[in-house]
Amino acid sequence: MKPITISDYKIETQVAITDLQTHEDFNASKKELEKALENTREQLGELQDTLYAHGKYAVLVCLQGMDTAGKDSLIREVFKDFNARGVVVHSFKVPTDLEKKHDYLWRHYIALPARGKFGVFNRTHYENVLVTRVHPAYILGENLPDVQSTEAITETFWDKRFEQINAFEKTIAQNGTLIFKFFLNLSKEEQKNRLLRRLDKPNKRWKFSPGDLKERKLWDTYMSCYQDILNRTSHGHAPWYAIPADNKPAARYIVASLLLQELQKYNDIKEPPLDPEVEASINDYKEQLRNE
């Protein structure tokens, strides 16, 4: 199976979303892809242990994609070999009353991972230039002083939000957070198939909502917003990666491989040295334990 090449997925120039790949299989079977993922995530788990001991970087993994893109299962499979204390997952839903009393980035700021840990945002701060852009009336619920109606939500309003999000990411990157943003690029046809499978399986029907079909009718609008997001917010300190999401095993393997390759570039992530006195006495400690 061919190795993962970072440049095949990293957004480094302006893109048209229709040109981005939605399917990849590497000419490999499902079992081969699962085995490749298993090997990769074991290495990621070991790296996470070292990152925790090092204690100077945090890692933020952001996942965005249309409904059924596979975010939940990707989190489950990619981070399976992590120490549970070393990774925290946040799934951002409709803002609560408390969250609405703060600026829209507040709830994301307080959920950021501590140094030494991975944080996963399942849906992210980008919902604030995605869902709210598709449905501008949602902005009115934020009770902003200068927005009394949807007519006040102009392109200038969205320009400011993009500036704020870019500034937010730049700030946390400058203070030790390594940011990885993954857009799970699902085709409209595959989403239809996955929604149908949910309806066909009684134990999966709880995942279905009639609202999924309403949002599906706005597919082109969502894709336009995603394209804008990729082109306006992919930077060296906080890059986007467009992940073909029609094949779930391949998508998981790609995300795990990209994380591992990029994190291995940080040669300074290593276990801290032992206190010289402790290191000089290791044999004595062993002897004490053996003689108990």
C-alpha atoms as a PDB file:
ATOM      1  CA  MET A   1       0.000   0.000   0.000  1.00  0.00           C
ATOM      2  CA  LYS A   2       1.409   3.368  -0.999  1.00  0.00           C
ATOM      3  CA  PRO A   3       2.501   5.716   1.802  1.00  0.00           C
ATOM      4  CA  ILE A   4       0.428   8.739   2.756  1.00  0.00           C
ATOM      5  CA  THR A   5       1.775  11.966   1.251  1.00  0.00           C
ATOM      6  CA  ILE A   6       0.937  15.058   3.288  1.00  0.00           C
ATOM      7  CA  SER A   7       0.781  17.359   0.266  1.00  0.00           C
ATOM      8  CA  ASP A   8      -2.016  15.275  -1.265  1.00  0.00           C
ATOM      9  CA  TYR A   9      -4.377  16.416   1.489  1.00  0.00           C
ATOM     10  CA  LYS A  10      -3.023  19.645   2.946  1.00  0.00           C
ATOM     11  CA  ILE A  11      -4.711  22.841   1.755  1.00  0.00           C
ATOM     12  CA  GLU A  12      -1.861  25.149   0.809  1.00  0.00           C
ATOM     13  CA  THR A  13      -3.374  27.033  -2.141  1.00  0.00           C
ATOM     14  CA  GLN A  14      -6.811  28.241  -3.142  1.00  0.00           C
ATOM     15  CA  VAL A  15      -9.075  25.286  -3.950  1.00  0.00           C
ATOM     16  CA  ALA A  16     -12.405  24.556  -5.594  1.00  0.00           C
ATOM     17  CA  ILE A  17     -14.246  22.089  -3.410  1.00  0.00           C
ATOM     18  CA  THR A  18     -15.559  20.242  -6.466  1.00  0.00           C
ATOM     19  CA  ASP A  19     -11.954  19.360  -7.353  1.00  0.00           C
ATOM     20  CA  LEU A  20     -11.298  17.690  -4.003  1.00  0.00           C
ATOM     21  CA  GLN A  21     -11.371  13.917  -3.782  1.00  0.00           C
ATOM     22  CA  THR A  22     -14.202  12.217  -1.861  1.00  0.00           C
ATOM     23  CA  HIS A  23     -13.093   8.576  -2.251  1.00  0.00           C
ATOM     24  CA  GLU A  24      -9.822   6.753  -1.653  1.00  0.00           C
ATOM     25  CA  ASP A  25      -9.116   3.060  -1.125  1.00  0.00           C
ATOM     26  CA  PHE A  26      -5.373   2.771  -1.913  1.00  0.00           C
ATOM     27  CA  ASN A  27      -6.293  -0.412  -3.827  1.00  0.00           C
ATOM     28  CA  ALA A  28      -6.415  -2.081  -0.427  1.00  0.00           C
ATOM     29  CA  SER A  29      -9.042  -4.244   1.243  1.00  0.00           C
ATOM     30  CA  LYS A  30     -10.920  -3.147   4.338  1.00  0.00           C
ATOM     31  CA  LYS A  31      -8.845  -5.567   6.412  1.00  0.00           C
ATOM     32  CA  GLU A  32      -5.579  -4.168   5.023  1.00  0.00           C
ATOM     33  CA  LEU A  33      -6.675  -0.604   5.805  1.00  0.00           C
ATOM     34  CA  GLU A  34      -7.689  -1.579   9.324  1.00  0.00           C
ATOM     35  CA  LYS A  35      -4.323  -3.235   9.894  1.00  0.00           C
ATOM     36  CA  ALA A  36      -2.499  -0.151   8.604  1.00  0.00           C
ATOM     37  CA  LEU A  37      -4.558   2.016  10.953  1.00  0.00           C
ATOM     38  CA  GLU A  38      -3.807  -0.304  13.872  1.00  0.00           C
ATOM     39  CA  ASN A  39      -0.060   0.021  13.329  1.00  0.00           C
ATOM     40  CA  THR A  40      -0.285   3.792  12.946  1.00  0.00           C
ATOM     41  CA  ARG A  41      -2.445   4.423  15.980  1.00  0.00           C
ATOM     42  CA  GLU A  42      -0.137   2.312  18.164  1.00  0.00           C
ATOM     43  CA  GLN A  43       2.679   4.698  17.236  1.00  0.00           C
ATOM     44  CA  LEU A  44       0.391   7.658  17.901  1.00  0.00           C
ATOM     45  CA  GLY A  45      -0.421   6.236  21.327  1.00  0.00           C
ATOM     46  CA  GLU A  46       3.268   5.981  22.177  1.00  0.00           C
ATOM     47  CA  LEU A  47       3.847   9.515  20.933  1.00  0.00           C
ATOM     48  CA  GLN A  48       0.970  10.742  23.096  1.00  0.00           C
ATOM     49  CA  ASP A  49       2.653   9.271  26.174  1.00  0.00           C
ATOM     50  CA  THR A  50       5.827  11.174  25.317  1.00  0.00           C
ATOM     51  CA  LEU A  51       3.877  14.366  24.614  1.00  0.00           C
ATOM     52  CA  TYR A  52       2.267  14.051  28.055  1.00  0.00           C
ATOM     53  CA  ALA A  53       5.634  13.581  29.772  1.00  0.00           C
ATOM     54  CA  HIS A  54       7.147  16.458  27.781  1.00  0.00           C
ATOM     55  CA  GLY A  55       4.291  18.707  28.843  1.00  0.00           C
ATOM     56  CA  LYS A  56       5.038  21.682  26.594  1.00  0.00           C
ATOM     57  CA  TYR A  57       2.678  21.184  23.639  1.00  0.00           C
ATOM     58  CA  ALA A  58      -1.047  20.621  23.417  1.00  0.00           C
ATOM     59  CA  VAL A  59      -2.587  19.102  20.290  1.00  0.00           C
ATOM     60  CA  LEU A  60      -5.955  20.282  18.983  1.00  0.00           C
ATOM     61  CA  VAL A  61      -7.668  18.079  16.396  1.00  0.00           C
ATOM     62  CA  CYS A  62     -10.640  19.722  14.667  1.00  0.00           C
ATOM     63  CA  LEU A  63     -13.144  17.617  12.713  1.00  0.00           C
ATOM     64  CA  GLN A  64     -15.667  19.138  10.347  1.00  0.00           C
ATOM     65  CA  GLY A  65     -17.937  17.465   7.828  1.00  0.00           C
ATOM     66  CA  MET A  66     -21.519  17.027   6.763  1.00  0.00           C
ATOM     67  CA  ASP A  67     -23.853  14.751   8.721  1.00  0.00           C
ATOM     68  CA  THR A  68     -22.852  11.061   8.361  1.00  0.00           C
ATOM     69  CA  ALA A  69     -19.282  12.003   7.355  1.00  0.00           C
ATOM     70  CA  GLY A  70     -17.972   9.600  10.004  1.00  0.00           C
ATOM     71  CA  LYS A  71     -16.642  11.934  12.693  1.00  0.00           C
ATOM     72  CA  ASP A  72     -17.731   9.837  15.690  1.00  0.00           C
ATOM     73  CA  SER A  73     -16.400   6.537  14.382  1.00  0.00           C
ATOM     74  CA  LEU A  74     -13.151   8.194  13.290  1.00  0.00           C
ATOM     75  CA  ILE A  75     -12.579   9.475  16.829  1.00  0.00           C
ATOM     76  CA  ARG A  76     -13.298   6.032  18.247  1.00  0.00           C
ATOM     77  CA  GLU A  77     -10.921   4.216  15.890  1.00  0.00           C
ATOM     78  CA  VAL A  78      -8.042   6.676  15.556  1.00  0.00           C
ATOM     79  CA  PHE A  79      -7.631   7.368  19.287  1.00  0.00           C
ATOM     80  CA  LYS A  80      -8.330   3.837  20.519  1.00  0.00           C
ATOM     81  CA  ASP A  81      -4.762   3.269  21.766  1.00  0.00           C
ATOM     82  CA  PHE A  82      -4.467   6.550  23.648  1.00  0.00           C
ATOM     83  CA  ASN A  83      -4.311   6.756  27.408  1.00  0.00           C
ATOM     84  CA  ALA A  84      -7.843   7.872  28.258  1.00  0.00           C
ATOM     85  CA  ARG A  85      -6.451  10.678  30.425  1.00  0.00           C
ATOM     86  CA  GLY A  86      -4.428  12.013  27.514  1.00  0.00           C
ATOM     87  CA  VAL A  87      -7.280  12.851  25.133  1.00  0.00           C
ATOM     88  CA  VAL A  88     -10.473  14.824  25.706  1.00  0.00           C
ATOM     89  CA  VAL A  89     -13.289  14.944  23.138  1.00  0.00           C
ATOM     90  CA  HIS A  90     -15.762  17.812  22.934  1.00  0.00           C
ATOM     91  CA  SER A  91     -18.891  17.601  20.772  1.00  0.00           C
ATOM     92  CA  PHE A  92     -20.295  21.071  20.293  1.00  0.00           C
ATOM     93  CA  LYS A  93     -24.073  21.184  19.949  1.00  0.00           C
ATOM     94  CA  VAL A  94     -26.489  24.123  19.914  1.00  0.00           C
ATOM     95  CA  PRO A  95     -25.105  26.755  22.330  1.00  0.00           C
ATOM     96  CA  THR A  96     -26.572  26.707  25.830  1.00  0.00           C
ATOM     97  CA  ASP A  97     -28.068  29.763  27.516  1.00  0.00           C
ATOM     98  CA  LEU A  98     -24.821  30.244  29.446  1.00  0.00           C
ATOM     99  CA  GLU A  99     -22.712  29.982  26.289  1.00  0.00           C
ATOM    100  CA  LYS A 100     -24.902  32.549  24.558  1.00  0.00           C
ATOM    101  CA  LYS A 101     -24.061  35.035  27.312  1.00  0.00           C
ATOM    102  CA  HIS A 102     -20.437  34.965  26.114  1.00  0.00           C
ATOM    103  CA  ASP A 103     -18.824  35.575  22.743  1.00  0.00           C
ATOM    104  CA  TYR A 104     -19.121  32.646  20.344  1.00  0.00           C
ATOM    105  CA  LEU A 105     -15.492  31.548  20.826  1.00  0.00           C
ATOM    106  CA  TRP A 106     -15.727  31.357  24.633  1.00  0.00           C
ATOM    107  CA  ARG A 107     -16.982  27.784  24.831  1.00  0.00           C
ATOM    108  CA  HIS A 108     -14.220  26.645  22.473  1.00  0.00           C
ATOM    109  CA  TYR A 109     -11.537  28.522  24.382  1.00  0.00           C
ATOM    110  CA  ILE A 110     -12.396  26.884  27.704  1.00  0.00           C
ATOM    111  CA  ALA A 111     -12.433  23.445  26.041  1.00  0.00           C
ATOM    112  CA  LEU A 112      -8.889  23.722  24.686  1.00  0.00           C
ATOM    113  CA  PRO A 113      -6.520  20.898  25.694  1.00  0.00           C
ATOM    114  CA  ALA A 114      -3.936  21.453  28.393  1.00  0.00           C
ATOM    115  CA  ARG A 115      -0.264  21.101  27.523  1.00  0.00           C
ATOM    116  CA  GLY A 116       0.595  17.437  27.232  1.00  0.00           C
ATOM    117  CA  LYS A 117      -2.873  16.437  26.065  1.00  0.00           C
ATOM    118  CA  PHE A 118      -4.842  15.952  22.867  1.00  0.00           C
ATOM    119  CA  GLY A 119      -8.167  17.713  22.479  1.00  0.00           C
ATOM    120  CA  VAL A 120     -10.636  16.697  19.781  1.00  0.00           C
ATOM    121  CA  PHE A 121     -13.348  19.082  18.651  1.00  0.00           C
ATOM    122  CA  ASN A 122     -16.175  17.097  17.042  1.00  0.00           C
ATOM    123  CA  ARG A 123     -17.647  19.997  15.124  1.00  0.00           C
ATOM    124  CA  THR A 124     -15.763  23.134  15.943  1.00  0.00           C
ATOM    125  CA  HIS A 125     -15.629  26.901  16.119  1.00  0.00           C
ATOM    126  CA  TYR A 126     -16.136  26.803  12.351  1.00  0.00           C
ATOM    127  CA  GLU A 127     -19.830  26.125  12.887  1.00  0.00           C
ATOM    128  CA  ASN A 128     -19.928  29.875  13.559  1.00  0.00           C
ATOM    129  CA  VAL A 129     -19.106  30.602   9.916  1.00  0.00           C
ATOM    130  CA  LEU A 130     -20.910  27.564   8.557  1.00  0.00           C
ATOM    131  CA  VAL A 131     -24.323  26.719  10.049  1.00  0.00           C
ATOM    132  CA  THR A 132     -24.899  30.316  11.074  1.00  0.00           C
ATOM    133  CA  ARG A 133     -23.961  31.452   7.596  1.00  0.00           C
ATOM    134  CA  VAL A 134     -26.401  29.014   6.023  1.00  0.00           C
ATOM    135  CA  HIS A 135     -29.023  30.031   8.613  1.00  0.00           C
ATOM    136  CA  PRO A 136     -28.279  33.700   9.479  1.00  0.00           C
ATOM    137  CA  ALA A 137     -31.288  33.902  11.796  1.00  0.00           C
ATOM    138  CA  TYR A 138     -29.314  31.805  14.306  1.00  0.00           C
ATOM    139  CA  ILE A 139     -27.059  34.815  14.854  1.00  0.00           C
ATOM    140  CA  LEU A 140     -29.965  36.714  16.392  1.00  0.00           C
ATOM    141  CA  GLY A 141     -29.893  34.269  19.306  1.00  0.00           C
ATOM    142  CA  GLU A 142     -26.447  35.606  20.255  1.00  0.00           C
ATOM    143  CA  ASN A 143     -27.994  38.951  21.274  1.00  0.00           C
ATOM    144  CA  LEU A 144     -25.205  40.961  19.677  1.00  0.00           C
ATOM    145  CA  PRO A 145     -25.570  44.702  20.312  1.00  0.00           C
ATOM    146  CA  ASP A 146     -25.182  45.725  16.668  1.00  0.00           C
ATOM    147  CA  VAL A 147     -27.288  42.955  15.097  1.00  0.00           C
ATOM    148  CA  GLN A 148     -31.010  43.512  15.435  1.00  0.00           C
ATOM    149  CA  SER A 149     -32.081  41.729  12.255  1.00  0.00           C
ATOM    150  CA  THR A 150     -30.656  39.437   9.582  1.00  0.00           C
ATOM    151  CA  GLU A 151     -30.271  42.471   7.313  1.00  0.00           C
ATOM    152  CA  ALA A 152     -27.409  43.576   9.570  1.00  0.00           C
ATOM    153  CA  ILE A 153     -25.530  40.339   8.857  1.00  0.00           C
ATOM    154  CA  THR A 154     -23.539  41.462   5.845  1.00  0.00           C
ATOM    155  CA  GLU A 155     -20.357  40.148   4.238  1.00  0.00           C
ATOM    156  CA  THR A 156     -18.473  42.547   6.492  1.00  0.00           C
ATOM    157  CA  PHE A 157     -19.894  40.665   9.476  1.00  0.00           C
ATOM    158  CA  TRP A 158     -18.519  37.364   8.129  1.00  0.00           C
ATOM    159  CA  ASP A 159     -15.173  38.967   7.255  1.00  0.00           C
ATOM    160  CA  LYS A 160     -14.821  39.984  10.909  1.00  0.00           C
ATOM    161  CA  ARG A 161     -15.653  36.469  12.079  1.00  0.00           C
ATOM    162  CA  PHE A 162     -12.988  34.982   9.853  1.00  0.00           C
ATOM    163  CA  GLU A 163     -10.489  37.521  11.210  1.00  0.00           C
ATOM    164  CA  GLN A 164     -11.460  36.593  14.770  1.00  0.00           C
ATOM    165  CA  ILE A 165     -11.137  32.862  14.136  1.00  0.00           C
ATOM    166  CA  ASN A 166      -7.759  33.306  12.455  1.00  0.00           C
ATOM    167  CA  ALA A 167      -6.591  35.434  15.387  1.00  0.00           C
ATOM    168  CA  PHE A 168      -7.869  32.843  17.896  1.00  0.00           C
ATOM    169  CA  GLU A 169      -5.903  30.072  16.203  1.00  0.00           C
ATOM    170  CA  LYS A 170      -2.786  32.175  15.812  1.00  0.00           C
ATOM    171  CA  THR A 171      -2.841  33.037  19.501  1.00  0.00           C
ATOM    172  CA  ILE A 172      -3.156  29.461  20.739  1.00  0.00           C
ATOM    173  CA  ALA A 173      -0.558  28.253  18.210  1.00  0.00           C
ATOM    174  CA  GLN A 174       1.921  30.850  19.446  1.00  0.00           C
ATOM    175  CA  ASN A 175       1.359  29.557  22.970  1.00  0.00           C
ATOM    176  CA  GLY A 176       2.085  25.892  22.304  1.00  0.00           C
ATOM    177  CA  THR A 177      -1.033  24.353  20.758  1.00  0.00           C
ATOM    178  CA  LEU A 178      -0.436  22.289  17.612  1.00  0.00           C
ATOM    179  CA  ILE A 179      -3.538  22.586  15.438  1.00  0.00           C
ATOM    180  CA  PHE A 180      -4.797  20.026  12.926  1.00  0.00           C
ATOM    181  CA  LYS A 181      -8.037  20.678  11.044  1.00  0.00           C
ATOM    182  CA  PHE A 182      -9.630  17.855   9.070  1.00  0.00           C
ATOM    183  CA  PHE A 183     -12.486  18.394   6.622  1.00  0.00           C
ATOM    184  CA  LEU A 184     -14.157  15.028   6.020  1.00  0.00           C
ATOM    185  CA  ASN A 185     -15.153  15.473   2.402  1.00  0.00           C
ATOM    186  CA  LEU A 186     -18.226  13.314   1.854  1.00  0.00           C
ATOM    187  CA  SER A 187     -20.031  13.063  -1.470  1.00  0.00           C
ATOM    188  CA  LYS A 188     -23.744  13.814  -1.629  1.00  0.00           C
ATOM    189  CA  GLU A 189     -24.415  10.352  -3.051  1.00  0.00           C
ATOM    190  CA  GLU A 190     -22.606   8.618  -0.180  1.00  0.00           C
ATOM    191  CA  GLN A 191     -24.500  10.705   2.373  1.00  0.00           C
ATOM    192  CA  LYS A 192     -27.757   9.510   0.802  1.00  0.00           C
ATOM    193  CA  ASN A 193     -26.590   5.892   1.089  1.00  0.00           C
ATOM    194  CA  ARG A 194     -25.619   6.324   4.743  1.00  0.00           C
ATOM    195  CA  LEU A 195     -28.931   7.978   5.618  1.00  0.00           C
ATOM    196  CA  LEU A 196     -30.767   5.118   3.927  1.00  0.00           C
ATOM    197  CA  ARG A 197     -28.723   2.578   5.900  1.00  0.00           C
ATOM    198  CA  ARG A 198     -29.716   4.353   9.107  1.00  0.00           C
ATOM    199  CA  LEU A 199     -33.369   4.051   8.185  1.00  0.00           C
ATOM    200  CA  ASP A 200     -32.986   0.421   7.117  1.00  0.00           C
ATOM    201  CA  LYS A 201     -31.428  -0.682  10.428  1.00  0.00           C
ATOM    202  CA  PRO A 202     -33.754  -0.487  13.465  1.00  0.00           C
ATOM    203  CA  ASN A 203     -30.814  -0.115  15.865  1.00  0.00           C
ATOM    204  CA  LYS A 204     -29.485   2.874  13.888  1.00  0.00           C
ATOM    205  CA  ARG A 205     -32.733   4.783  13.359  1.00  0.00           C
ATOM    206  CA  TRP A 206     -32.224   6.808  16.525  1.00  0.00           C
ATOM    207  CA  LYS A 207     -29.426   8.624  14.698  1.00  0.00           C
ATOM    208  CA  PHE A 208     -31.801   9.864  11.997  1.00  0.00           C
ATOM    209  CA  SER A 209     -33.599  13.187  12.176  1.00  0.00           C
ATOM    210  CA  PRO A 210     -36.002  14.666   9.607  1.00  0.00           C
ATOM    211  CA  GLY A 211     -33.831  17.752   9.897  1.00  0.00           C
ATOM    212  CA  ASP A 212     -31.068  15.799   8.120  1.00  0.00           C
ATOM    213  CA  LEU A 213     -33.153  15.911   4.948  1.00  0.00           C
ATOM    214  CA  LYS A 214     -33.831  19.634   5.299  1.00  0.00           C
ATOM    215  CA  GLU A 215     -30.119  20.349   5.639  1.00  0.00           C
ATOM    216  CA  ARG A 216     -29.365  18.046   2.716  1.00  0.00           C
ATOM    217  CA  LYS A 217     -31.422  20.307   0.461  1.00  0.00           C
ATOM    218  CA  LEU A 218     -28.928  23.062   1.301  1.00  0.00           C
ATOM    219  CA  TRP A 219     -25.943  20.947   0.222  1.00  0.00           C
ATOM    220  CA  ASP A 220     -24.624  23.399  -2.370  1.00  0.00           C
ATOM    221  CA  THR A 221     -24.806  26.278   0.104  1.00  0.00           C
ATOM    222  CA  TYR A 222     -22.878  24.260   2.677  1.00  0.00           C
ATOM    223  CA  MET A 223     -20.241  23.323   0.113  1.00  0.00           C
ATOM    224  CA  SER A 224     -19.799  26.975  -0.831  1.00  0.00           C
ATOM    225  CA  CYS A 225     -19.274  27.851   2.840  1.00  0.00           C
ATOM    226  CA  TYR A 226     -16.810  25.001   3.322  1.00  0.00           C
ATOM    227  CA  GLN A 227     -14.845  26.142   0.298  1.00  0.00           C
ATOM    228  CA  ASP A 228     -14.643  29.636   1.770  1.00  0.00           C
ATOM    229  CA  ILE A 229     -13.484  28.204   5.103  1.00  0.00           C
ATOM    230  CA  LEU A 230     -10.731  26.126   3.509  1.00  0.00           C
ATOM    231  CA  ASN A 231      -9.480  29.026   1.429  1.00  0.00           C
ATOM    232  CA  ARG A 232      -9.593  31.685   4.143  1.00  0.00           C
ATOM    233  CA  THR A 233      -8.379  29.831   7.218  1.00  0.00           C
ATOM    234  CA  SER A 234      -5.734  27.290   6.175  1.00  0.00           C
ATOM    235  CA  HIS A 235      -2.385  28.589   7.433  1.00  0.00           C
ATOM    236  CA  GLY A 236       0.969  27.091   8.300  1.00  0.00           C
ATOM    237  CA  HIS A 237       0.218  27.222  12.022  1.00  0.00           C
ATOM    238  CA  ALA A 238      -3.336  25.881  11.573  1.00  0.00           C
ATOM    239  CA  PRO A 239      -3.666  23.983   8.285  1.00  0.00           C
ATOM    240  CA  TRP A 240      -6.712  22.283   6.838  1.00  0.00           C
ATOM    241  CA  TYR A 241      -6.519  18.777   5.410  1.00  0.00           C
ATOM    242  CA  ALA A 242      -9.237  17.640   3.001  1.00  0.00           C
ATOM    243  CA  ILE A 243      -9.895  13.960   3.726  1.00  0.00           C
ATOM    244  CA  PRO A 244     -11.804  11.772   1.243  1.00  0.00           C
ATOM    245  CA  ALA A 245     -14.586  10.460   3.492  1.00  0.00           C
ATOM    246  CA  ASP A 246     -16.658   8.099   1.336  1.00  0.00           C
ATOM    247  CA  ASN A 247     -14.505   5.156   2.465  1.00  0.00           C
ATOM    248  CA  LYS A 248     -14.413   5.230   6.270  1.00  0.00           C
ATOM    249  CA  PRO A 249     -11.460   2.857   6.843  1.00  0.00           C
ATOM    250  CA  ALA A 250      -9.322   4.839   4.397  1.00  0.00           C
ATOM    251  CA  ALA A 251     -10.348   8.181   5.933  1.00  0.00           C
ATOM    252  CA  ARG A 252      -9.365   6.981   9.416  1.00  0.00           C
ATOM    253  CA  TYR A 253      -6.021   5.702   8.187  1.00  0.00           C
ATOM    254  CA  ILE A 254      -5.276   8.982   6.390  1.00  0.00           C
ATOM    255  CA  VAL A 255      -6.077  11.112   9.448  1.00  0.00           C
ATOM    256  CA  ALA A 256      -3.966   8.911  11.758  1.00  0.00           C
ATOM    257  CA  SER A 257      -1.058   8.907   9.309  1.00  0.00           C
ATOM    258  CA  LEU A 258      -1.119  12.665   8.825  1.00  0.00           C
ATOM    259  CA  LEU A 259      -1.161  13.245  12.571  1.00  0.00           C
ATOM    260  CA  LEU A 260       1.748  10.871  13.106  1.00  0.00           C
ATOM    261  CA  GLN A 261       3.864  12.257  10.266  1.00  0.00           C
ATOM    262  CA  GLU A 262       3.349  15.870  11.265  1.00  0.00           C
ATOM    263  CA  LEU A 263       3.941  15.281  14.971  1.00  0.00           C
ATOM    264  CA  GLN A 264       7.115  13.303  14.306  1.00  0.00           C
ATOM    265  CA  LYS A 265       8.586  16.489  12.851  1.00  0.00           C
ATOM    266  CA  TYR A 266       8.776  17.942  16.361  1.00  0.00           C
ATOM    267  CA  ASN A 267      12.139  16.575  17.431  1.00  0.00           C
ATOM    268  CA  ASP A 268      11.940  18.355  20.757  1.00  0.00           C
ATOM    269  CA  ILE A 269       9.024  16.205  21.953  1.00  0.00           C
ATOM    270  CA  LYS A 270      10.823  13.768  24.231  1.00  0.00           C
ATOM    271  CA  GLU A 271      10.707  12.531  27.800  1.00  0.00           C
ATOM    272  CA  PRO A 272      12.217  14.984  30.292  1.00  0.00           C
ATOM    273  CA  PRO A 273      15.625  13.981  31.691  1.00  0.00           C
ATOM    274  CA  LEU A 274      15.758  12.389  35.105  1.00  0.00           C
ATOM    275  CA  ASP A 275      17.153  14.255  38.054  1.00  0.00           C
ATOM    276  CA  PRO A 276      20.887  13.331  38.084  1.00  0.00           C
ATOM    277  CA  GLU A 277      20.680  12.048  41.640  1.00  0.00           C
ATOM    278  CA  VAL A 278      17.706   9.831  40.801  1.00  0.00           C
ATOM    279  CA  GLU A 279      19.374   8.511  37.666  1.00  0.00           C
ATOM    280  CA  ALA A 280      22.571   7.712  39.568  1.00  0.00           C
ATOM    281  CA  SER A 281      20.569   5.734  42.132  1.00  0.00           C
ATOM    282  CA  ILE A 282      18.428   3.623  39.793  1.00  0.00           C
ATOM    283  CA  ASN A 283      20.335   0.443  40.550  1.00  0.00           C
ATOM    284  CA  ASP A 284      19.950   1.097  44.276  1.00  0.00           C
ATOM    285  CA  TYR A 285      16.178   1.527  43.857  1.00  0.00           C
ATOM    286  CA  LYS A 286      16.002  -1.750  41.937  1.00  0.00           C
ATOM    287  CA  GLU A 287      17.952  -3.511  44.638  1.00  0.00           C
ATOM    288  CA  GLN A 288      15.662  -2.160  47.367  1.00  0.00           C
ATOM    289  CA  LEU A 289      12.611  -3.447  45.533  1.00  0.00           C
ATOM    290  CA  ARG A 290      14.117  -6.869  44.845  1.00  0.00           C
ATOM    291  CA  ASN A 291      15.099  -7.268  48.503  1.00  0.00           C
ATOM    292  CA  GLU A 292      11.645  -6.454  49.937  1.00  0.00           C
END
